Amino acid sequence: MRLGIVATGQVYVCLKDANKTLIDGETLQAGERTRTYRARRFRMTLGNASVKLFVNGRQRRVRPSSDPIGLAIRGRRALQPLSKIGRPYCE
């Protein structure tokens, strides 16, 4: 699976695959984009919904939230919400 992130505003991002940290709690600015990551599954924590996520080349929407957002991306199930306990933690 491929994942790319484009910030539409200032946003905190923590991204992990099954074995390692890919983005270690960085703050992206509006217009900034990440490289394309490849893994079988991803877990992420976003500080807000100011992002566009591209999963296998298709844009996926992130629901607006005033709280941090935890998401899992696995197989064909595009974005699955993660509980506060299930969200990945970055320094």
PDB file of N, CA and C in Angstrom:
ATOM      1  N   MET A   1       0.834  -1.158   0.000  1.00  0.00           N
ATOM      2  CA  MET A   1       0.000   0.000   0.000  1.00  0.00           C
ATOM      3  C   MET A   1       0.894   1.241   0.000  1.00  0.00           C
ATOM      4  N   ARG A   2       0.447   2.299  -0.650  1.00  0.00           N
ATOM      5  CA  ARG A   2       1.191   3.557  -0.706  1.00  0.00           C
ATOM      6  C   ARG A   2       0.405   4.648   0.014  1.00  0.00           C
ATOM      7  N   LEU A   3       1.133   5.521   0.724  1.00  0.00           N
ATOM      8  CA  LEU A   3       0.500   6.617   1.455  1.00  0.00           C
ATOM      9  C   LEU A   3       1.312   7.894   1.275  1.00  0.00           C
ATOM     10  N   GLY A   4       0.632   8.959   0.906  1.00  0.00           N
ATOM     11  CA  GLY A   4       1.226  10.291   0.835  1.00  0.00           C
ATOM     12  C   GLY A   4       0.353  11.263   1.607  1.00  0.00           C
ATOM     13  N   ILE A   5       0.976  12.258   2.203  1.00  0.00           N
ATOM     14  CA  ILE A   5       0.254  13.247   3.012  1.00  0.00           C
ATOM     15  C   ILE A   5       0.574  14.635   2.493  1.00  0.00           C
ATOM     16  N   VAL A   6      -0.472  15.452   2.305  1.00  0.00           N
ATOM     17  CA  VAL A   6      -0.311  16.854   1.921  1.00  0.00           C
ATOM     18  C   VAL A   6      -1.010  17.695   2.982  1.00  0.00           C
ATOM     19  N   ALA A   7      -0.273  18.623   3.587  1.00  0.00           N
ATOM     20  CA  ALA A   7      -0.852  19.491   4.616  1.00  0.00           C
ATOM     21  C   ALA A   7      -1.640  20.626   3.958  1.00  0.00           C
ATOM     22  N   THR A   8      -2.850  20.864   4.457  1.00  0.00           N
ATOM     23  CA  THR A   8      -3.658  21.988   3.972  1.00  0.00           C
ATOM     24  C   THR A   8      -3.617  23.144   4.966  1.00  0.00           C
ATOM     25  N   GLY A   9      -2.969  22.925   6.082  1.00  0.00           N
ATOM     26  CA  GLY A   9      -2.768  23.906   7.134  1.00  0.00           C
ATOM     27  C   GLY A   9      -1.698  23.327   8.045  1.00  0.00           C
ATOM     28  N   GLN A  10      -1.371  24.018   9.103  1.00  0.00           N
ATOM     29  CA  GLN A  10      -0.366  23.503  10.028  1.00  0.00           C
ATOM     30  C   GLN A  10      -0.938  22.283  10.746  1.00  0.00           C
ATOM     31  N   VAL A  11      -0.179  21.163  10.721  1.00  0.00           N
ATOM     32  CA  VAL A  11      -0.682  19.927  11.312  1.00  0.00           C
ATOM     33  C   VAL A  11       0.471  19.075  11.852  1.00  0.00           C
ATOM     34  N   TYR A  12       0.264  18.522  13.033  1.00  0.00           N
ATOM     35  CA  TYR A  12       1.200  17.591  13.655  1.00  0.00           C
ATOM     36  C   TYR A  12       0.946  16.201  13.070  1.00  0.00           C
ATOM     37  N   VAL A  13       2.026  15.467  12.740  1.00  0.00           N
ATOM     38  CA  VAL A  13       1.879  14.125  12.173  1.00  0.00           C
ATOM     39  C   VAL A  13       2.838  13.151  12.851  1.00  0.00           C
ATOM     40  N   CYS A  14       2.297  12.039  13.305  1.00  0.00           N
ATOM     41  CA  CYS A  14       3.063  10.893  13.799  1.00  0.00           C
ATOM     42  C   CYS A  14       2.606   9.710  12.948  1.00  0.00           C
ATOM     43  N   LEU A  15       3.526   9.084  12.210  1.00  0.00           N
ATOM     44  CA  LEU A  15       3.170   7.995  11.299  1.00  0.00           C
ATOM     45  C   LEU A  15       4.059   6.796  11.550  1.00  0.00           C
ATOM     46  N   LYS A  16       3.427   5.623  11.694  1.00  0.00           N
ATOM     47  CA  LYS A  16       4.173   4.388  11.919  1.00  0.00           C
ATOM     48  C   LYS A  16       3.639   3.297  10.999  1.00  0.00           C
ATOM     49  N   ASP A  17       4.547   2.408  10.589  1.00  0.00           N
ATOM     50  CA  ASP A  17       4.099   1.190   9.930  1.00  0.00           C
ATOM     51  C   ASP A  17       4.149   0.093  10.982  1.00  0.00           C
ATOM     52  N   ALA A  18       4.140  -1.159  10.591  1.00  0.00           N
ATOM     53  CA  ALA A  18       4.100  -2.244  11.570  1.00  0.00           C
ATOM     54  C   ALA A  18       5.350  -2.300  12.444  1.00  0.00           C
ATOM     55  N   ASN A  19       6.497  -1.868  11.906  1.00  0.00           N
ATOM     56  CA  ASN A  19       7.760  -2.070  12.611  1.00  0.00           C
ATOM     57  C   ASN A  19       8.517  -0.813  13.005  1.00  0.00           C
ATOM     58  N   LYS A  20       8.220   0.314  12.389  1.00  0.00           N
ATOM     59  CA  LYS A  20       9.052   1.488  12.675  1.00  0.00           C
ATOM     60  C   LYS A  20       8.282   2.790  12.541  1.00  0.00           C
ATOM     61  N   THR A  21       8.901   3.840  13.048  1.00  0.00           N
ATOM     62  CA  THR A  21       8.349   5.181  12.946  1.00  0.00           C
ATOM     63  C   THR A  21       8.796   5.792  11.624  1.00  0.00           C
ATOM     64  N   LEU A  22       7.845   6.292  10.849  1.00  0.00           N
ATOM     65  CA  LEU A  22       8.142   6.894   9.553  1.00  0.00           C
ATOM     66  C   LEU A  22       8.207   8.418   9.641  1.00  0.00           C
ATOM     67  N   ILE A  23       7.296   9.006  10.395  1.00  0.00           N
ATOM     68  CA  ILE A  23       7.325  10.451  10.678  1.00  0.00           C
ATOM     69  C   ILE A  23       7.232  10.584  12.190  1.00  0.00           C
ATOM     70  N   ASP A  24       8.267  11.149  12.788  1.00  0.00           N
ATOM     71  CA  ASP A  24       8.393  11.155  14.248  1.00  0.00           C
ATOM     72  C   ASP A  24       7.888  12.452  14.865  1.00  0.00           C
ATOM     73  N   GLY A  25       6.582  12.690  14.764  1.00  0.00           N
ATOM     74  CA  GLY A  25       5.984  13.848  15.414  1.00  0.00           C
ATOM     75  C   GLY A  25       6.392  15.178  14.807  1.00  0.00           C
ATOM     76  N   GLU A  26       6.370  15.280  13.502  1.00  0.00           N
ATOM     77  CA  GLU A  26       6.731  16.522  12.817  1.00  0.00           C
ATOM     78  C   GLU A  26       5.500  17.394  12.617  1.00  0.00           C
ATOM     79  N   THR A  27       5.722  18.699  12.548  1.00  0.00           N
ATOM     80  CA  THR A  27       4.652  19.629  12.209  1.00  0.00           C
ATOM     81  C   THR A  27       4.848  20.047  10.762  1.00  0.00           C
ATOM     82  N   LEU A  28       3.853  19.746   9.931  1.00  0.00           N
ATOM     83  CA  LEU A  28       3.891  20.129   8.524  1.00  0.00           C
ATOM     84  C   LEU A  28       3.171  21.459   8.353  1.00  0.00           C
ATOM     85  N   GLN A  29       3.659  22.267   7.445  1.00  0.00           N
ATOM     86  CA  GLN A  29       3.042  23.554   7.135  1.00  0.00           C
ATOM     87  C   GLN A  29       2.154  23.414   5.898  1.00  0.00           C
ATOM     88  N   ALA A  30       1.224  24.339   5.722  1.00  0.00           N
ATOM     89  CA  ALA A  30       0.309  24.308   4.576  1.00  0.00           C
ATOM     90  C   ALA A  30       1.088  24.179   3.266  1.00  0.00           C
ATOM     91  N   GLY A  31       0.674  23.239   2.421  1.00  0.00           N
ATOM     92  CA  GLY A  31       1.311  23.020   1.133  1.00  0.00           C
ATOM     93  C   GLY A  31       2.460  22.018   1.173  1.00  0.00           C
ATOM     94  N   GLU A  32       2.951  21.717   2.351  1.00  0.00           N
ATOM     95  CA  GLU A  32       4.054  20.768   2.474  1.00  0.00           C
ATOM     96  C   GLU A  32       3.531  19.352   2.254  1.00  0.00           C
ATOM     97  N   ARG A  33       4.322  18.541   1.568  1.00  0.00           N
ATOM     98  CA  ARG A  33       3.925  17.159   1.319  1.00  0.00           C
ATOM     99  C   ARG A  33       5.031  16.212   1.718  1.00  0.00           C
ATOM    100  N   THR A  34       4.629  15.032   2.117  1.00  0.00           N
ATOM    101  CA  THR A  34       5.599  14.013   2.489  1.00  0.00           C
ATOM    102  C   THR A  34       5.973  13.215   1.246  1.00  0.00           C
ATOM    103  N   ARG A  35       6.991  12.406   1.399  1.00  0.00           N
ATOM    104  CA  ARG A  35       7.284  11.449   0.336  1.00  0.00           C
ATOM    105  C   ARG A  35       6.196  10.385   0.375  1.00  0.00           C
ATOM    106  N   THR A  36       6.183   9.499  -0.584  1.00  0.00           N
ATOM    107  CA  THR A  36       5.229   8.392  -0.583  1.00  0.00           C
ATOM    108  C   THR A  36       5.822   7.236   0.202  1.00  0.00           C
ATOM    109  N   TYR A  37       5.084   6.776   1.201  1.00  0.00           N
ATOM    110  CA  TYR A  37       5.516   5.659   2.036  1.00  0.00           C
ATOM    111  C   TYR A  37       4.836   4.392   1.553  1.00  0.00           C
ATOM    112  N   ARG A  38       5.525   3.275   1.713  1.00  0.00           N
ATOM    113  CA  ARG A  38       4.976   1.970   1.320  1.00  0.00           C
ATOM    114  C   ARG A  38       5.037   1.014   2.507  1.00  0.00           C
ATOM    115  N   ALA A  39       3.902   0.373   2.790  1.00  0.00           N
ATOM    116  CA  ALA A  39       3.821  -0.616   3.863  1.00  0.00           C
ATOM    117  C   ALA A  39       2.506  -1.377   3.705  1.00  0.00           C
ATOM    118  N   ARG A  40       2.372  -2.458   4.453  1.00  0.00           N
ATOM    119  CA  ARG A  40       1.117  -3.226   4.428  1.00  0.00           C
ATOM    120  C   ARG A  40       0.038  -2.547   5.250  1.00  0.00           C
ATOM    121  N   ARG A  41       0.463  -1.816   6.292  1.00  0.00           N
ATOM    122  CA  ARG A  41      -0.488  -1.080   7.121  1.00  0.00           C
ATOM    123  C   ARG A  41       0.217   0.098   7.773  1.00  0.00           C
ATOM    124  N   PHE A  42      -0.579   1.097   8.105  1.00  0.00           N
ATOM    125  CA  PHE A  42      -0.080   2.308   8.746  1.00  0.00           C
ATOM    126  C   PHE A  42      -0.961   2.619   9.948  1.00  0.00           C
ATOM    127  N   ARG A  43      -0.362   3.286  10.954  1.00  0.00           N
ATOM    128  CA  ARG A  43      -1.091   3.892  12.063  1.00  0.00           C
ATOM    129  C   ARG A  43      -0.584   5.318  12.182  1.00  0.00           C
ATOM    130  N   MET A  44      -1.490   6.261  12.412  1.00  0.00           N
ATOM    131  CA  MET A  44      -1.059   7.654  12.511  1.00  0.00           C
ATOM    132  C   MET A  44      -1.871   8.416  13.526  1.00  0.00           C
ATOM    133  N   THR A  45      -1.221   9.456  14.044  1.00  0.00           N
ATOM    134  CA  THR A  45      -1.883  10.445  14.878  1.00  0.00           C
ATOM    135  C   THR A  45      -1.725  11.780  14.175  1.00  0.00           C
ATOM    136  N   LEU A  46      -2.832  12.484  13.996  1.00  0.00           N
ATOM    137  CA  LEU A  46      -2.841  13.813  13.393  1.00  0.00           C
ATOM    138  C   LEU A  46      -3.332  14.799  14.440  1.00  0.00           C
ATOM    139  N   GLY A  47      -2.711  15.965  14.491  1.00  0.00           N
ATOM    140  CA  GLY A  47      -3.125  16.982  15.451  1.00  0.00           C
ATOM    141  C   GLY A  47      -4.465  17.604  15.111  1.00  0.00           C
ATOM    142  N   ASN A  48      -4.835  17.583  13.836  1.00  0.00           N
ATOM    143  CA  ASN A  48      -6.114  18.101  13.361  1.00  0.00           C
ATOM    144  C   ASN A  48      -6.377  17.506  11.979  1.00  0.00           C
ATOM    145  N   ALA A  49      -7.413  17.961  11.315  1.00  0.00           N
ATOM    146  CA  ALA A  49      -7.789  17.388  10.016  1.00  0.00           C
ATOM    147  C   ALA A  49      -7.266  18.200   8.834  1.00  0.00           C
ATOM    148  N   SER A  50      -6.232  18.996   9.034  1.00  0.00           N
ATOM    149  CA  SER A  50      -5.708  19.853   7.961  1.00  0.00           C
ATOM    150  C   SER A  50      -4.760  19.082   7.047  1.00  0.00           C
ATOM    151  N   VAL A  51      -5.254  17.984   6.486  1.00  0.00           N
ATOM    152  CA  VAL A  51      -4.446  17.149   5.593  1.00  0.00           C
ATOM    153  C   VAL A  51      -5.298  16.581   4.474  1.00  0.00           C
ATOM    154  N   LYS A  52      -4.616  16.217   3.413  1.00  0.00           N
ATOM    155  CA  LYS A  52      -5.178  15.364   2.373  1.00  0.00           C
ATOM    156  C   LYS A  52      -4.336  14.098   2.417  1.00  0.00           C
ATOM    157  N   LEU A  53      -4.995  12.966   2.540  1.00  0.00           N
ATOM    158  CA  LEU A  53      -4.297  11.684   2.536  1.00  0.00           C
ATOM    159  C   LEU A  53      -4.523  11.018   1.189  1.00  0.00           C
ATOM    160  N   PHE A  54      -3.456  10.494   0.622  1.00  0.00           N
ATOM    161  CA  PHE A  54      -3.552   9.786  -0.650  1.00  0.00           C
ATOM    162  C   PHE A  54      -3.144   8.338  -0.416  1.00  0.00           C
ATOM    163  N   VAL A  55      -4.117   7.445  -0.511  1.00  0.00           N
ATOM    164  CA  VAL A  55      -3.894   6.017  -0.298  1.00  0.00           C
ATOM    165  C   VAL A  55      -3.997   5.329  -1.654  1.00  0.00           C
ATOM    166  N   ASN A  56      -2.885   4.747  -2.085  1.00  0.00           N
ATOM    167  CA  ASN A  56      -2.810   4.105  -3.405  1.00  0.00           C
ATOM    168  C   ASN A  56      -3.275   5.052  -4.512  1.00  0.00           C
ATOM    169  N   GLY A  57      -2.906   6.321  -4.380  1.00  0.00           N
ATOM    170  CA  GLY A  57      -3.211   7.315  -5.394  1.00  0.00           C
ATOM    171  C   GLY A  57      -4.583   7.949  -5.299  1.00  0.00           C
ATOM    172  N   ARG A  58      -5.426   7.479  -4.398  1.00  0.00           N
ATOM    173  CA  ARG A  58      -6.776   8.033  -4.249  1.00  0.00           C
ATOM    174  C   ARG A  58      -6.862   8.878  -2.990  1.00  0.00           C
ATOM    175  N   GLN A  59      -7.461  10.054  -3.131  1.00  0.00           N
ATOM    176  CA  GLN A  59      -7.583  10.936  -1.974  1.00  0.00           C
ATOM    177  C   GLN A  59      -8.644  10.399  -1.015  1.00  0.00           C
ATOM    178  N   ARG A  60      -8.307  10.427   0.277  1.00  0.00           N
ATOM    179  CA  ARG A  60      -9.232  10.010   1.323  1.00  0.00           C
ATOM    180  C   ARG A  60      -9.476  11.189   2.253  1.00  0.00           C
ATOM    181  N   ARG A  61     -10.708  11.354   2.660  1.00  0.00           N
ATOM    182  CA  ARG A  61     -11.071  12.465   3.537  1.00  0.00           C
ATOM    183  C   ARG A  61     -10.824  12.115   5.002  1.00  0.00           C
ATOM    184  N   VAL A  62     -10.405  13.124   5.740  1.00  0.00           N
ATOM    185  CA  VAL A  62     -10.249  13.006   7.187  1.00  0.00           C
ATOM    186  C   VAL A  62     -11.354  13.847   7.811  1.00  0.00           C
ATOM    187  N   ARG A  63     -12.134  13.234   8.676  1.00  0.00           N
ATOM    188  CA  ARG A  63     -13.247  13.957   9.294  1.00  0.00           C
ATOM    189  C   ARG A  63     -12.728  15.055  10.218  1.00  0.00           C
ATOM    190  N   PRO A  64     -13.339  16.234  10.157  1.00  0.00           N
ATOM    191  CA  PRO A  64     -12.924  17.329  11.040  1.00  0.00           C
ATOM    192  C   PRO A  64     -13.060  16.944  12.505  1.00  0.00           C
ATOM    193  N   SER A  65     -12.125  17.431  13.314  1.00  0.00           N
ATOM    194  CA  SER A  65     -12.145  17.157  14.741  1.00  0.00           C
ATOM    195  C   SER A  65     -11.359  18.232  15.467  1.00  0.00           C
ATOM    196  N   SER A  66     -11.820  18.591  16.654  1.00  0.00           N
ATOM    197  CA  SER A  66     -11.082  19.558  17.464  1.00  0.00           C
ATOM    198  C   SER A  66     -10.045  18.849  18.331  1.00  0.00           C
ATOM    199  N   ASP A  67     -10.108  17.520  18.382  1.00  0.00           N
ATOM    200  CA  ASP A  67      -9.160  16.710  19.146  1.00  0.00           C
ATOM    201  C   ASP A  67      -8.196  16.023  18.192  1.00  0.00           C
ATOM    202  N   PRO A  68      -7.065  15.530  18.693  1.00  0.00           N
ATOM    203  CA  PRO A  68      -6.170  14.744  17.841  1.00  0.00           C
ATOM    204  C   PRO A  68      -6.916  13.548  17.238  1.00  0.00           C
ATOM    205  N   ILE A  69      -6.485  13.154  16.061  1.00  0.00           N
ATOM    206  CA  ILE A  69      -7.154  12.109  15.295  1.00  0.00           C
ATOM    207  C   ILE A  69      -6.224  10.911  15.167  1.00  0.00           C
ATOM    208  N   GLY A  70      -6.710   9.730  15.515  1.00  0.00           N
ATOM    209  CA  GLY A  70      -5.954   8.498  15.326  1.00  0.00           C
ATOM    210  C   GLY A  70      -6.569   7.699  14.199  1.00  0.00           C
ATOM    211  N   LEU A  71      -5.734   7.242  13.264  1.00  0.00           N
ATOM    212  CA  LEU A  71      -6.231   6.488  12.109  1.00  0.00           C
ATOM    213  C   LEU A  71      -5.360   5.274  11.844  1.00  0.00           C
ATOM    214  N   ALA A  72      -6.007   4.206  11.392  1.00  0.00           N
ATOM    215  CA  ALA A  72      -5.304   3.029  10.891  1.00  0.00           C
ATOM    216  C   ALA A  72      -5.688   2.872   9.433  1.00  0.00           C
ATOM    217  N   ILE A  73      -4.724   2.475   8.628  1.00  0.00           N
ATOM    218  CA  ILE A  73      -4.978   2.209   7.211  1.00  0.00           C
ATOM    219  C   ILE A  73      -4.514   0.784   6.958  1.00  0.00           C
ATOM    220  N   ARG A  74      -5.467  -0.069   6.601  1.00  0.00           N
ATOM    221  CA  ARG A  74      -5.178  -1.485   6.374  1.00  0.00           C
ATOM    222  C   ARG A  74      -5.956  -1.954   5.162  1.00  0.00           C
ATOM    223  N   GLY A  75      -5.291  -2.598   4.251  1.00  0.00           N
ATOM    224  CA  GLY A  75      -5.955  -3.218   3.110  1.00  0.00           C
ATOM    225  C   GLY A  75      -6.962  -2.324   2.431  1.00  0.00           C
ATOM    226  N   ARG A  76      -8.110  -2.874   2.119  1.00  0.00           N
ATOM    227  CA  ARG A  76      -9.132  -2.119   1.390  1.00  0.00           C
ATOM    228  C   ARG A  76      -9.955  -1.203   2.279  1.00  0.00           C
ATOM    229  N   ARG A  77      -9.913  -1.427   3.573  1.00  0.00           N
ATOM    230  CA  ARG A  77     -10.624  -0.531   4.490  1.00  0.00           C
ATOM    231  C   ARG A  77      -9.816   0.746   4.590  1.00  0.00           C
ATOM    232  N   ALA A  78     -10.293   1.767   3.970  1.00  0.00           N
ATOM    233  CA  ALA A  78      -9.498   2.984   3.812  1.00  0.00           C
ATOM    234  C   ALA A  78      -8.986   3.539   5.134  1.00  0.00           C
ATOM    235  N   LEU A  79      -9.803   4.204   5.889  1.00  0.00           N
ATOM    236  CA  LEU A  79      -9.372   4.842   7.133  1.00  0.00           C
ATOM    237  C   LEU A  79     -10.236   4.337   8.273  1.00  0.00           C
ATOM    238  N   GLN A  80      -9.608   3.744   9.259  1.00  0.00           N
ATOM    239  CA  GLN A  80     -10.324   3.272  10.432  1.00  0.00           C
ATOM    240  C   GLN A  80      -9.913   4.128  11.622  1.00  0.00           C
ATOM    241  N   PRO A  81     -10.866   4.681  12.365  1.00  0.00           N
ATOM    242  CA  PRO A  81     -10.507   5.489  13.530  1.00  0.00           C
ATOM    243  C   PRO A  81      -9.870   4.641  14.619  1.00  0.00           C
ATOM    244  N   LEU A  82      -8.921   5.240  15.330  1.00  0.00           N
ATOM    245  CA  LEU A  82      -8.282   4.598  16.470  1.00  0.00           C
ATOM    246  C   LEU A  82      -8.688   5.335  17.739  1.00  0.00           C
ATOM    247  N   SER A  83      -8.887   4.583  18.804  1.00  0.00           N
ATOM    248  CA  SER A  83      -9.203   5.206  20.090  1.00  0.00           C
ATOM    249  C   SER A  83      -7.972   5.960  20.586  1.00  0.00           C
ATOM    250  N   LYS A  84      -8.180   6.760  21.601  1.00  0.00           N
ATOM    251  CA  LYS A  84      -7.073   7.514  22.191  1.00  0.00           C
ATOM    252  C   LYS A  84      -5.951   6.570  22.620  1.00  0.00           C
ATOM    253  N   ILE A  85      -6.296   5.428  23.162  1.00  0.00           N
ATOM    254  CA  ILE A  85      -5.305   4.448  23.620  1.00  0.00           C
ATOM    255  C   ILE A  85      -4.595   3.791  22.436  1.00  0.00           C
ATOM    256  N   GLY A  86      -5.298   3.616  21.326  1.00  0.00           N
ATOM    257  CA  GLY A  86      -4.742   2.943  20.163  1.00  0.00           C
ATOM    258  C   GLY A  86      -3.881   3.806  19.253  1.00  0.00           C
ATOM    259  N   ARG A  87      -3.908   5.126  19.471  1.00  0.00           N
ATOM    260  CA  ARG A  87      -3.111   6.027  18.618  1.00  0.00           C
ATOM    261  C   ARG A  87      -1.623   5.841  18.851  1.00  0.00           C
ATOM    262  N   PRO A  88      -0.818   5.925  17.784  1.00  0.00           N
ATOM    263  CA  PRO A  88       0.634   5.850  17.979  1.00  0.00           C
ATOM    264  C   PRO A  88       1.142   7.100  18.682  1.00  0.00           C
ATOM    265  N   TYR A  89       2.239   6.926  19.390  1.00  0.00           N
ATOM    266  CA  TYR A  89       2.859   8.027  20.128  1.00  0.00           C
ATOM    267  C   TYR A  89       4.234   8.316  19.542  1.00  0.00           C
ATOM    268  N   CYS A  90       4.519   9.573  19.293  1.00  0.00           N
ATOM    269  CA  CYS A  90       5.836  10.010  18.834  1.00  0.00           C
ATOM    270  C   CYS A  90       6.375  11.041  19.822  1.00  0.00           C
ATOM    271  N   GLU A  91       7.669  11.184  19.858  1.00  0.00           N
ATOM    272  CA  GLU A  91       8.316  12.126  20.776  1.00  0.00           C
ATOM    273  C   GLU A  91       8.151  13.556  20.348  1.00  0.00           C
TER     274      GLU A  91
END
